[in-house]
Amino acid sequence: RFAVLGGGSWATAIVKMLCENLEQVTWYMRSSEAIAHILREG
């Protein structure tokens, strides 16, 4: 089970790469506003 820690450009790129292969990726970022936006807008 993979988790990525970070909310910047490199973290975002790594999550994108992992999502090509994994069914689920845990993604930690400190901004709850950014999390809400991702859940809403993708």
PDB file of all heavy atoms in Angstrom:
ATOM      1  N   ARG A   1       0.858  -1.180   0.000  1.00  0.00           N
ATOM      2  CA  ARG A   1       0.000   0.000   0.000  1.00  0.00           C
ATOM      3  C   ARG A   1       0.900   1.239   0.000  1.00  0.00           C
ATOM      4  O   ARG A   1       1.765   1.380   0.874  1.00  0.00           O
ATOM      5  CB  ARG A   1      -0.907   0.006   1.232  1.00  0.00           C
ATOM      6  CG  ARG A   1      -1.875  -1.180   1.293  1.00  0.00           C
ATOM      7  CD  ARG A   1      -2.570  -1.231   2.643  1.00  0.00           C
ATOM      8  NE  ARG A   1      -1.620  -1.360   3.742  1.00  0.00           N
ATOM      9  CZ  ARG A   1      -1.877  -1.062   5.014  1.00  0.00           C
ATOM     10  NH1 ARG A   1      -3.082  -0.604   5.355  1.00  0.00           N
ATOM     11  NH2 ARG A   1      -0.960  -1.225   5.946  1.00  0.00           N
ATOM     12  N   PHE A   2       0.694   2.132  -0.963  1.00  0.00           N
ATOM     13  CA  PHE A   2       1.549   3.303  -1.141  1.00  0.00           C
ATOM     14  C   PHE A   2       0.882   4.555  -0.578  1.00  0.00           C
ATOM     15  O   PHE A   2      -0.331   4.739  -0.706  1.00  0.00           O
ATOM     16  CB  PHE A   2       1.831   3.539  -2.621  1.00  0.00           C
ATOM     17  CG  PHE A   2       2.885   2.633  -3.215  1.00  0.00           C
ATOM     18  CD1 PHE A   2       2.627   1.275  -3.411  1.00  0.00           C
ATOM     19  CD2 PHE A   2       4.122   3.129  -3.591  1.00  0.00           C
ATOM     20  CE1 PHE A   2       3.577   0.436  -3.978  1.00  0.00           C
ATOM     21  CE2 PHE A   2       5.081   2.312  -4.151  1.00  0.00           C
ATOM     22  CZ  PHE A   2       4.824   0.956  -4.348  1.00  0.00           C
ATOM     23  N   ALA A   3       1.727   5.432  -0.001  1.00  0.00           N
ATOM     24  CA  ALA A   3       1.270   6.765   0.384  1.00  0.00           C
ATOM     25  C   ALA A   3       2.302   7.784  -0.069  1.00  0.00           C
ATOM     26  O   ALA A   3       3.504   7.542   0.000  1.00  0.00           O
ATOM     27  CB  ALA A   3       1.072   6.871   1.899  1.00  0.00           C
ATOM     28  N   VAL A   4       1.812   8.920  -0.540  1.00  0.00           N
ATOM     29  CA  VAL A   4       2.669  10.031  -0.944  1.00  0.00           C
ATOM     30  C   VAL A   4       2.456  11.161   0.046  1.00  0.00           C
ATOM     31  O   VAL A   4       1.313  11.537   0.343  1.00  0.00           O
ATOM     32  CB  VAL A   4       2.352  10.498  -2.373  1.00  0.00           C
ATOM     33  CG1 VAL A   4       3.201  11.711  -2.743  1.00  0.00           C
ATOM     34  CG2 VAL A   4       2.575   9.356  -3.372  1.00  0.00           C
ATOM     35  N   LEU A   5       3.554  11.709   0.565  1.00  0.00           N
ATOM     36  CA  LEU A   5       3.488  12.809   1.529  1.00  0.00           C
ATOM     37  C   LEU A   5       3.956  14.089   0.845  1.00  0.00           C
ATOM     38  O   LEU A   5       5.117  14.208   0.462  1.00  0.00           O
ATOM     39  CB  LEU A   5       4.374  12.512   2.747  1.00  0.00           C
ATOM     40  CG  LEU A   5       4.197  11.134   3.415  1.00  0.00           C
ATOM     41  CD1 LEU A   5       5.108  11.017   4.632  1.00  0.00           C
ATOM     42  CD2 LEU A   5       2.753  10.907   3.820  1.00  0.00           C
ATOM     43  N   GLY A   6       3.035  15.031   0.686  1.00  0.00           N
ATOM     44  CA  GLY A   6       3.375  16.297   0.046  1.00  0.00           C
ATOM     45  C   GLY A   6       2.270  16.740  -0.884  1.00  0.00           C
ATOM     46  O   GLY A   6       1.575  15.914  -1.482  1.00  0.00           O
ATOM     47  N   GLY A   7       2.115  18.055  -1.027  1.00  0.00           N
ATOM     48  CA  GLY A   7       1.038  18.579  -1.864  1.00  0.00           C
ATOM     49  C   GLY A   7       1.503  19.415  -3.035  1.00  0.00           C
ATOM     50  O   GLY A   7       0.686  20.022  -3.721  1.00  0.00           O
ATOM     51  N   GLY A   8       2.831  19.441  -3.283  1.00  0.00           N
ATOM     52  CA  GLY A   8       3.376  20.277  -4.345  1.00  0.00           C
ATOM     53  C   GLY A   8       3.371  19.613  -5.705  1.00  0.00           C
ATOM     54  O   GLY A   8       2.725  18.582  -5.927  1.00  0.00           O
ATOM     55  N   SER A   9       4.122  20.206  -6.635  1.00  0.00           N
ATOM     56  CA  SER A   9       4.109  19.730  -8.011  1.00  0.00           C
ATOM     57  C   SER A   9       4.723  18.339  -8.147  1.00  0.00           C
ATOM     58  O   SER A   9       4.183  17.484  -8.878  1.00  0.00           O
ATOM     59  CB  SER A   9       4.838  20.718  -8.925  1.00  0.00           C
ATOM     60  OG  SER A   9       6.171  20.929  -8.490  1.00  0.00           O
ATOM     61  N   TRP A  10       5.823  18.067  -7.450  1.00  0.00           N
ATOM     62  CA  TRP A  10       6.458  16.755  -7.576  1.00  0.00           C
ATOM     63  C   TRP A  10       5.600  15.679  -6.916  1.00  0.00           C
ATOM     64  O   TRP A  10       5.451  14.580  -7.447  1.00  0.00           O
ATOM     65  CB  TRP A  10       7.854  16.814  -6.984  1.00  0.00           C
ATOM     66  CG  TRP A  10       8.753  15.636  -7.260  1.00  0.00           C
ATOM     67  CD1 TRP A  10       9.632  15.079  -6.388  1.00  0.00           C
ATOM     68  CD2 TRP A  10       8.896  14.879  -8.481  1.00  0.00           C
ATOM     69  NE1 TRP A  10      10.315  14.031  -6.983  1.00  0.00           N
ATOM     70  CE2 TRP A  10       9.867  13.882  -8.269  1.00  0.00           C
ATOM     71  CE3 TRP A  10       8.276  14.948  -9.729  1.00  0.00           C
ATOM     72  CZ2 TRP A  10      10.244  12.956  -9.247  1.00  0.00           C
ATOM     73  CZ3 TRP A  10       8.646  14.034 -10.714  1.00  0.00           C
ATOM     74  CH2 TRP A  10       9.622  13.056 -10.463  1.00  0.00           C
ATOM     75  N   ALA A  11       5.011  15.983  -5.776  1.00  0.00           N
ATOM     76  CA  ALA A  11       4.091  15.038  -5.131  1.00  0.00           C
ATOM     77  C   ALA A  11       2.905  14.742  -6.046  1.00  0.00           C
ATOM     78  O   ALA A  11       2.495  13.583  -6.203  1.00  0.00           O
ATOM     79  CB  ALA A  11       3.604  15.595  -3.799  1.00  0.00           C
ATOM     80  N   THR A  12       2.372  15.771  -6.673  1.00  0.00           N
ATOM     81  CA  THR A  12       1.235  15.595  -7.576  1.00  0.00           C
ATOM     82  C   THR A  12       1.614  14.717  -8.762  1.00  0.00           C
ATOM     83  O   THR A  12       0.846  13.828  -9.176  1.00  0.00           O
ATOM     84  CB  THR A  12       0.738  16.969  -8.071  1.00  0.00           C
ATOM     85  OG1 THR A  12       0.418  17.799  -6.943  1.00  0.00           O
ATOM     86  CG2 THR A  12      -0.490  16.833  -8.955  1.00  0.00           C
ATOM     87  N   ALA A  13       2.815  14.933  -9.300  1.00  0.00           N
ATOM     88  CA  ALA A  13       3.292  14.125 -10.423  1.00  0.00           C
ATOM     89  C   ALA A  13       3.465  12.664 -10.015  1.00  0.00           C
ATOM     90  O   ALA A  13       3.121  11.748 -10.777  1.00  0.00           O
ATOM     91  CB  ALA A  13       4.607  14.688 -10.945  1.00  0.00           C
ATOM     92  N   ILE A  14       3.984  12.433  -8.811  1.00  0.00           N
ATOM     93  CA  ILE A  14       4.188  11.059  -8.337  1.00  0.00           C
ATOM     94  C   ILE A  14       2.848  10.352  -8.143  1.00  0.00           C
ATOM     95  O   ILE A  14       2.687   9.186  -8.501  1.00  0.00           O
ATOM     96  CB  ILE A  14       5.018  11.054  -7.037  1.00  0.00           C
ATOM     97  CG1 ILE A  14       6.464  11.475  -7.343  1.00  0.00           C
ATOM     98  CG2 ILE A  14       5.007   9.670  -6.378  1.00  0.00           C
ATOM     99  CD1 ILE A  14       7.308  11.713  -6.116  1.00  0.00           C
ATOM    100  N   VAL A  15       1.878  11.058  -7.585  1.00  0.00           N
ATOM    101  CA  VAL A  15       0.549  10.466  -7.423  1.00  0.00           C
ATOM    102  C   VAL A  15      -0.030  10.109  -8.788  1.00  0.00           C
ATOM    103  O   VAL A  15      -0.619   9.035  -8.971  1.00  0.00           O
ATOM    104  CB  VAL A  15      -0.389  11.420  -6.655  1.00  0.00           C
ATOM    105  CG1 VAL A  15      -1.816  10.881  -6.646  1.00  0.00           C
ATOM    106  CG2 VAL A  15       0.102  11.610  -5.216  1.00  0.00           C
ATOM    107  N   LYS A  16       0.136  10.982  -9.762  1.00  0.00           N
ATOM    108  CA  LYS A  16      -0.332  10.694 -11.126  1.00  0.00           C
ATOM    109  C   LYS A  16       0.314   9.414 -11.650  1.00  0.00           C
ATOM    110  O   LYS A  16      -0.367   8.543 -12.215  1.00  0.00           O
ATOM    111  CB  LYS A  16      -0.019  11.865 -12.056  1.00  0.00           C
ATOM    112  CG  LYS A  16      -0.303  11.568 -13.536  1.00  0.00           C
ATOM    113  CD  LYS A  16       0.022  12.761 -14.407  1.00  0.00           C
ATOM    114  CE  LYS A  16       0.019  12.384 -15.889  1.00  0.00           C
ATOM    115  NZ  LYS A  16      -1.252  11.822 -16.365  1.00  0.00           N
ATOM    116  N   MET A  17       1.636   9.271 -11.462  1.00  0.00           N
ATOM    117  CA  MET A  17       2.344   8.077 -11.939  1.00  0.00           C
ATOM    118  C   MET A  17       1.819   6.824 -11.249  1.00  0.00           C
ATOM    119  O   MET A  17       1.573   5.800 -11.902  1.00  0.00           O
ATOM    120  CB  MET A  17       3.846   8.225 -11.702  1.00  0.00           C
ATOM    121  CG  MET A  17       4.543   9.224 -12.605  1.00  0.00           C
ATOM    122  SD  MET A  17       6.339   9.237 -12.324  1.00  0.00           S
ATOM    123  CE  MET A  17       6.545  10.702 -11.320  1.00  0.00           C
ATOM    124  N   LEU A  18       1.633   6.890  -9.947  1.00  0.00           N
ATOM    125  CA  LEU A  18       1.153   5.727  -9.201  1.00  0.00           C
ATOM    126  C   LEU A  18      -0.255   5.334  -9.615  1.00  0.00           C
ATOM    127  O   LEU A  18      -0.600   4.147  -9.653  1.00  0.00           O
ATOM    128  CB  LEU A  18       1.196   6.018  -7.693  1.00  0.00           C
ATOM    129  CG  LEU A  18       2.585   6.166  -7.058  1.00  0.00           C
ATOM    130  CD1 LEU A  18       2.449   6.586  -5.588  1.00  0.00           C
ATOM    131  CD2 LEU A  18       3.384   4.862  -7.155  1.00  0.00           C
ATOM    132  N   CYS A  19      -1.071   6.330  -9.922  1.00  0.00           N
ATOM    133  CA  CYS A  19      -2.460   6.046 -10.296  1.00  0.00           C
ATOM    134  C   CYS A  19      -2.571   5.324 -11.638  1.00  0.00           C
ATOM    135  O   CYS A  19      -3.635   4.776 -11.964  1.00  0.00           O
ATOM    136  CB  CYS A  19      -3.272   7.342 -10.336  1.00  0.00           C
ATOM    137  SG  CYS A  19      -3.721   7.958  -8.696  1.00  0.00           S
ATOM    138  N   GLU A  20      -1.480   5.298 -12.406  1.00  0.00           N
ATOM    139  CA  GLU A  20      -1.474   4.525 -13.645  1.00  0.00           C
ATOM    140  C   GLU A  20      -1.484   3.021 -13.348  1.00  0.00           C
ATOM    141  O   GLU A  20      -1.858   2.215 -14.199  1.00  0.00           O
ATOM    142  CB  GLU A  20      -0.242   4.867 -14.489  1.00  0.00           C
ATOM    143  CG  GLU A  20      -0.141   6.309 -14.933  1.00  0.00           C
ATOM    144  CD  GLU A  20      -1.076   6.649 -16.077  1.00  0.00           C
ATOM    145  OE1 GLU A  20      -1.793   5.742 -16.566  1.00  0.00           O
ATOM    146  OE2 GLU A  20      -1.105   7.824 -16.484  1.00  0.00           O
ATOM    147  N   ASN A  21      -1.040   2.633 -12.134  1.00  0.00           N
ATOM    148  CA  ASN A  21      -0.842   1.220 -11.821  1.00  0.00           C
ATOM    149  C   ASN A  21      -1.582   0.714 -10.592  1.00  0.00           C
ATOM    150  O   ASN A  21      -1.845  -0.480 -10.470  1.00  0.00           O
ATOM    151  CB  ASN A  21       0.656   0.942 -11.618  1.00  0.00           C
ATOM    152  CG  ASN A  21       1.471   1.235 -12.861  1.00  0.00           C
ATOM    153  OD1 ASN A  21       1.306   0.589 -13.880  1.00  0.00           O
ATOM    154  ND2 ASN A  21       2.350   2.231 -12.783  1.00  0.00           N
ATOM    155  N   LEU A  22      -1.882   1.594  -9.649  1.00  0.00           N
ATOM    156  CA  LEU A  22      -2.455   1.167  -8.377  1.00  0.00           C
ATOM    157  C   LEU A  22      -3.954   1.448  -8.305  1.00  0.00           C
ATOM    158  O   LEU A  22      -4.444   2.425  -8.867  1.00  0.00           O
ATOM    159  CB  LEU A  22      -1.757   1.884  -7.209  1.00  0.00           C
ATOM    160  CG  LEU A  22      -0.230   1.793  -7.145  1.00  0.00           C
ATOM    161  CD1 LEU A  22       0.283   2.505  -5.900  1.00  0.00           C
ATOM    162  CD2 LEU A  22       0.232   0.349  -7.159  1.00  0.00           C
ATOM    163  N   GLU A  23      -4.652   0.598  -7.589  1.00  0.00           N
ATOM    164  CA  GLU A  23      -6.085   0.805  -7.418  1.00  0.00           C
ATOM    165  C   GLU A  23      -6.362   1.954  -6.451  1.00  0.00           C
ATOM    166  O   GLU A  23      -7.360   2.663  -6.592  1.00  0.00           O
ATOM    167  CB  GLU A  23      -6.747  -0.479  -6.914  1.00  0.00           C
ATOM    168  CG  GLU A  23      -6.748  -1.589  -7.951  1.00  0.00           C
ATOM    169  CD  GLU A  23      -7.482  -2.830  -7.465  1.00  0.00           C
ATOM    170  OE1 GLU A  23      -7.782  -2.897  -6.256  1.00  0.00           O
ATOM    171  OE2 GLU A  23      -7.741  -3.710  -8.283  1.00  0.00           O
ATOM    172  N   GLN A  24      -5.465   2.129  -5.457  1.00  0.00           N
ATOM    173  CA  GLN A  24      -5.655   3.227  -4.511  1.00  0.00           C
ATOM    174  C   GLN A  24      -4.304   3.749  -4.023  1.00  0.00           C
ATOM    175  O   GLN A  24      -3.370   2.982  -3.797  1.00  0.00           O
ATOM    176  CB  GLN A  24      -6.502   2.806  -3.321  1.00  0.00           C
ATOM    177  CG  GLN A  24      -6.904   4.010  -2.432  1.00  0.00           C
ATOM    178  CD  GLN A  24      -7.973   3.648  -1.428  1.00  0.00           C
ATOM    179  OE1 GLN A  24      -7.700   2.967  -0.469  1.00  0.00           O
ATOM    180  NE2 GLN A  24      -9.205   4.122  -1.653  1.00  0.00           N
ATOM    181  N   VAL A  25      -4.231   5.073  -3.874  1.00  0.00           N
ATOM    182  CA  VAL A  25      -3.032   5.746  -3.363  1.00  0.00           C
ATOM    183  C   VAL A  25      -3.462   6.670  -2.232  1.00  0.00           C
ATOM    184  O   VAL A  25      -4.395   7.471  -2.400  1.00  0.00           O
ATOM    185  CB  VAL A  25      -2.339   6.579  -4.466  1.00  0.00           C
ATOM    186  CG1 VAL A  25      -1.124   7.301  -3.892  1.00  0.00           C
ATOM    187  CG2 VAL A  25      -1.948   5.697  -5.648  1.00  0.00           C
ATOM    188  N   THR A  26      -2.810   6.534  -1.088  1.00  0.00           N
ATOM    189  CA  THR A  26      -3.046   7.477   0.006  1.00  0.00           C
ATOM    190  C   THR A  26      -2.204   8.717  -0.254  1.00  0.00           C
ATOM    191  O   THR A  26      -1.023   8.614  -0.593  1.00  0.00           O
ATOM    192  CB  THR A  26      -2.673   6.856   1.360  1.00  0.00           C
ATOM    193  OG1 THR A  26      -3.520   5.728   1.602  1.00  0.00           O
ATOM    194  CG2 THR A  26      -2.860   7.853   2.495  1.00  0.00           C
ATOM    195  N   TRP A  27      -2.825   9.875  -0.119  1.00  0.00           N
ATOM    196  CA  TRP A  27      -2.127  11.133  -0.432  1.00  0.00           C
ATOM    197  C   TRP A  27      -2.319  12.100   0.729  1.00  0.00           C
ATOM    198  O   TRP A  27      -3.416  12.550   1.005  1.00  0.00           O
ATOM    199  CB  TRP A  27      -2.690  11.712  -1.722  1.00  0.00           C
ATOM    200  CG  TRP A  27      -1.954  12.900  -2.269  1.00  0.00           C
ATOM    201  CD1 TRP A  27      -0.848  13.508  -1.767  1.00  0.00           C
ATOM    202  CD2 TRP A  27      -2.302  13.639  -3.453  1.00  0.00           C
ATOM    203  NE1 TRP A  27      -0.470  14.568  -2.545  1.00  0.00           N
ATOM    204  CE2 TRP A  27      -1.344  14.662  -3.601  1.00  0.00           C
ATOM    205  CE3 TRP A  27      -3.322  13.509  -4.402  1.00  0.00           C
ATOM    206  CZ2 TRP A  27      -1.380  15.566  -4.658  1.00  0.00           C
ATOM    207  CZ3 TRP A  27      -3.361  14.414  -5.456  1.00  0.00           C
ATOM    208  CH2 TRP A  27      -2.403  15.423  -5.586  1.00  0.00           C
ATOM    209  N   TYR A  28      -1.188  12.403   1.403  1.00  0.00           N
ATOM    210  CA  TYR A  28      -1.216  13.363   2.510  1.00  0.00           C
ATOM    211  C   TYR A  28      -0.782  14.734   2.024  1.00  0.00           C
ATOM    212  O   TYR A  28       0.269  14.889   1.399  1.00  0.00           O
ATOM    213  CB  TYR A  28      -0.283  12.923   3.645  1.00  0.00           C
ATOM    214  CG  TYR A  28       0.059  14.065   4.595  1.00  0.00           C
ATOM    215  CD1 TYR A  28      -0.889  14.537   5.502  1.00  0.00           C
ATOM    216  CD2 TYR A  28       1.298  14.689   4.547  1.00  0.00           C
ATOM    217  CE1 TYR A  28      -0.600  15.599   6.347  1.00  0.00           C
ATOM    218  CE2 TYR A  28       1.600  15.752   5.395  1.00  0.00           C
ATOM    219  CZ  TYR A  28       0.648  16.207   6.285  1.00  0.00           C
ATOM    220  OH  TYR A  28       0.928  17.260   7.113  1.00  0.00           O
ATOM    221  N   MET A  29      -1.601  15.718   2.305  1.00  0.00           N
ATOM    222  CA  MET A  29      -1.207  17.116   2.126  1.00  0.00           C
ATOM    223  C   MET A  29      -1.784  17.910   3.282  1.00  0.00           C
ATOM    224  O   MET A  29      -2.844  17.570   3.816  1.00  0.00           O
ATOM    225  CB  MET A  29      -1.654  17.660   0.774  1.00  0.00           C
ATOM    226  CG  MET A  29      -3.135  17.580   0.479  1.00  0.00           C
ATOM    227  SD  MET A  29      -3.581  18.386  -1.090  1.00  0.00           S
ATOM    228  CE  MET A  29      -2.771  17.347  -2.271  1.00  0.00           C
ATOM    229  N   ARG A  30      -1.069  18.945   3.687  1.00  0.00           N
ATOM    230  CA  ARG A  30      -1.486  19.666   4.899  1.00  0.00           C
ATOM    231  C   ARG A  30      -2.694  20.565   4.676  1.00  0.00           C
ATOM    232  O   ARG A  30      -3.378  20.949   5.621  1.00  0.00           O
ATOM    233  CB  ARG A  30      -0.330  20.472   5.473  1.00  0.00           C
ATOM    234  CG  ARG A  30       0.261  21.496   4.548  1.00  0.00           C
ATOM    235  CD  ARG A  30       1.568  22.059   5.086  1.00  0.00           C
ATOM    236  NE  ARG A  30       2.166  23.002   4.147  1.00  0.00           N
ATOM    237  CZ  ARG A  30       2.417  24.271   4.418  1.00  0.00           C
ATOM    238  NH1 ARG A  30       2.099  24.757   5.601  1.00  0.00           N
ATOM    239  NH2 ARG A  30       2.971  25.061   3.518  1.00  0.00           N
ATOM    240  N   SER A  31      -2.995  20.923   3.426  1.00  0.00           N
ATOM    241  CA  SER A  31      -4.086  21.853   3.141  1.00  0.00           C
ATOM    242  C   SER A  31      -5.416  21.117   2.980  1.00  0.00           C
ATOM    243  O   SER A  31      -5.641  20.415   1.994  1.00  0.00           O
ATOM    244  CB  SER A  31      -3.786  22.648   1.862  1.00  0.00           C
ATOM    245  OG  SER A  31      -4.915  23.393   1.474  1.00  0.00           O
ATOM    246  N   SER A  32      -6.299  21.300   3.944  1.00  0.00           N
ATOM    247  CA  SER A  32      -7.639  20.694   3.837  1.00  0.00           C
ATOM    248  C   SER A  32      -8.432  21.352   2.712  1.00  0.00           C
ATOM    249  O   SER A  32      -9.292  20.707   2.097  1.00  0.00           O
ATOM    250  CB  SER A  32      -8.387  20.829   5.167  1.00  0.00           C
ATOM    251  OG  SER A  32      -8.460  22.190   5.579  1.00  0.00           O
ATOM    252  N   GLU A  33      -8.131  22.628   2.401  1.00  0.00           N
ATOM    253  CA  GLU A  33      -8.804  23.315   1.299  1.00  0.00           C
ATOM    254  C   GLU A  33      -8.439  22.681  -0.039  1.00  0.00           C
ATOM    255  O   GLU A  33      -9.291  22.487  -0.911  1.00  0.00           O
ATOM    256  CB  GLU A  33      -8.439  24.803   1.286  1.00  0.00           C
ATOM    257  CG  GLU A  33      -8.996  25.608   2.444  1.00  0.00           C
ATOM    258  CD  GLU A  33      -8.165  25.479   3.719  1.00  0.00           C
ATOM    259  OE1 GLU A  33      -7.082  24.849   3.651  1.00  0.00           O
ATOM    260  OE2 GLU A  33      -8.603  25.999   4.768  1.00  0.00           O
ATOM    261  N   ALA A  34      -7.146  22.340  -0.195  1.00  0.00           N
ATOM    262  CA  ALA A  34      -6.712  21.687  -1.441  1.00  0.00           C
ATOM    263  C   ALA A  34      -7.350  20.311  -1.572  1.00  0.00           C
ATOM    264  O   ALA A  34      -7.767  19.911  -2.669  1.00  0.00           O
ATOM    265  CB  ALA A  34      -5.182  21.578  -1.468  1.00  0.00           C
ATOM    266  N   ILE A  35      -7.451  19.590  -0.460  1.00  0.00           N
ATOM    267  CA  ILE A  35      -8.092  18.268  -0.481  1.00  0.00           C
ATOM    268  C   ILE A  35      -9.546  18.394  -0.912  1.00  0.00           C
ATOM    269  O   ILE A  35     -10.029  17.630  -1.776  1.00  0.00           O
ATOM    270  CB  ILE A  35      -7.995  17.603   0.903  1.00  0.00           C
ATOM    271  CG1 ILE A  35      -6.547  17.190   1.189  1.00  0.00           C
ATOM    272  CG2 ILE A  35      -8.926  16.386   0.988  1.00  0.00           C
ATOM    273  CD1 ILE A  35      -6.315  16.687   2.596  1.00  0.00           C
ATOM    274  N   ALA A  36     -10.252  19.356  -0.345  1.00  0.00           N
ATOM    275  CA  ALA A  36     -11.664  19.556  -0.700  1.00  0.00           C
ATOM    276  C   ALA A  36     -11.807  19.888  -2.187  1.00  0.00           C
ATOM    277  O   ALA A  36     -12.725  19.415  -2.856  1.00  0.00           O
ATOM    278  CB  ALA A  36     -12.271  20.667   0.161  1.00  0.00           C
ATOM    279  N   HIS A  37     -10.876  20.683  -2.690  1.00  0.00           N
ATOM    280  CA  HIS A  37     -10.924  21.059  -4.106  1.00  0.00           C
ATOM    281  C   HIS A  37     -10.694  19.842  -5.009  1.00  0.00           C
ATOM    282  O   HIS A  37     -11.408  19.667  -6.009  1.00  0.00           O
ATOM    283  CB  HIS A  37      -9.866  22.129  -4.399  1.00  0.00           C
ATOM    284  CG  HIS A  37      -9.923  22.652  -5.811  1.00  0.00           C
ATOM    285  ND1 HIS A  37     -10.582  23.808  -6.139  1.00  0.00           N
ATOM    286  CD2 HIS A  37      -9.404  22.162  -6.970  1.00  0.00           C
ATOM    287  CE1 HIS A  37     -10.480  24.006  -7.445  1.00  0.00           C
ATOM    288  NE2 HIS A  37      -9.761  23.023  -7.973  1.00  0.00           N
ATOM    289  N   ILE A  38      -9.715  19.009  -4.654  1.00  0.00           N
ATOM    290  CA  ILE A  38      -9.436  17.809  -5.454  1.00  0.00           C
ATOM    291  C   ILE A  38     -10.653  16.884  -5.464  1.00  0.00           C
ATOM    292  O   ILE A  38     -11.046  16.357  -6.512  1.00  0.00           O
ATOM    293  CB  ILE A  38      -8.195  17.070  -4.921  1.00  0.00           C
ATOM    294  CG1 ILE A  38      -6.935  17.933  -5.102  1.00  0.00           C
ATOM    295  CG2 ILE A  38      -8.009  15.722  -5.632  1.00  0.00           C
ATOM    296  CD1 ILE A  38      -5.701  17.392  -4.398  1.00  0.00           C
ATOM    297  N   LEU A  39     -11.266  16.696  -4.315  1.00  0.00           N
ATOM    298  CA  LEU A  39     -12.440  15.825  -4.236  1.00  0.00           C
ATOM    299  C   LEU A  39     -13.612  16.375  -5.051  1.00  0.00           C
ATOM    300  O   LEU A  39     -14.386  15.616  -5.630  1.00  0.00           O
ATOM    301  CB  LEU A  39     -12.856  15.653  -2.771  1.00  0.00           C
ATOM    302  CG  LEU A  39     -11.909  14.813  -1.905  1.00  0.00           C
ATOM    303  CD1 LEU A  39     -12.337  14.881  -0.441  1.00  0.00           C
ATOM    304  CD2 LEU A  39     -11.877  13.361  -2.383  1.00  0.00           C
ATOM    305  N   ARG A  40     -13.671  17.702  -5.122  1.00  0.00           N
ATOM    306  CA  ARG A  40     -14.790  18.338  -5.830  1.00  0.00           C
ATOM    307  C   ARG A  40     -14.517  18.468  -7.334  1.00  0.00           C
ATOM    308  O   ARG A  40     -15.391  18.188  -8.159  1.00  0.00           O
ATOM    309  CB  ARG A  40     -15.048  19.722  -5.223  1.00  0.00           C
ATOM    310  CG  ARG A  40     -16.264  20.442  -5.780  1.00  0.00           C
ATOM    311  CD  ARG A  40     -16.519  21.746  -5.039  1.00  0.00           C
ATOM    312  NE  ARG A  40     -15.426  22.713  -5.205  1.00  0.00           N
ATOM    313  CZ  ARG A  40     -14.561  23.036  -4.245  1.00  0.00           C
ATOM    314  NH1 ARG A  40     -14.646  22.490  -3.034  1.00  0.00           N
ATOM    315  NH2 ARG A  40     -13.602  23.920  -4.463  1.00  0.00           N
ATOM    316  N   GLU A  41     -13.293  18.881  -7.680  1.00  0.00           N
ATOM    317  CA  GLU A  41     -12.977  19.220  -9.072  1.00  0.00           C
ATOM    318  C   GLU A  41     -12.065  18.204  -9.771  1.00  0.00           C
ATOM    319  O   GLU A  41     -11.926  18.237 -10.992  1.00  0.00           O
ATOM    320  CB  GLU A  41     -12.310  20.606  -9.134  1.00  0.00           C
ATOM    321  CG  GLU A  41     -13.105  21.726  -8.491  1.00  0.00           C
ATOM    322  CD  GLU A  41     -14.381  22.035  -9.246  1.00  0.00           C
ATOM    323  OE1 GLU A  41     -14.478  21.667 -10.431  1.00  0.00           O
ATOM    324  OE2 GLU A  41     -15.285  22.654  -8.648  1.00  0.00           O
ATOM    325  N   GLY A  42     -11.404  17.334  -8.984  1.00  0.00           N
ATOM    326  CA  GLY A  42     -10.568  16.304  -9.591  1.00  0.00           C
ATOM    327  C   GLY A  42      -9.166  16.733  -9.970  1.00  0.00           C
ATOM    328  O   GLY A  42      -8.473  16.002 -10.692  1.00  0.00           O
TER     329      GLY A  42
END
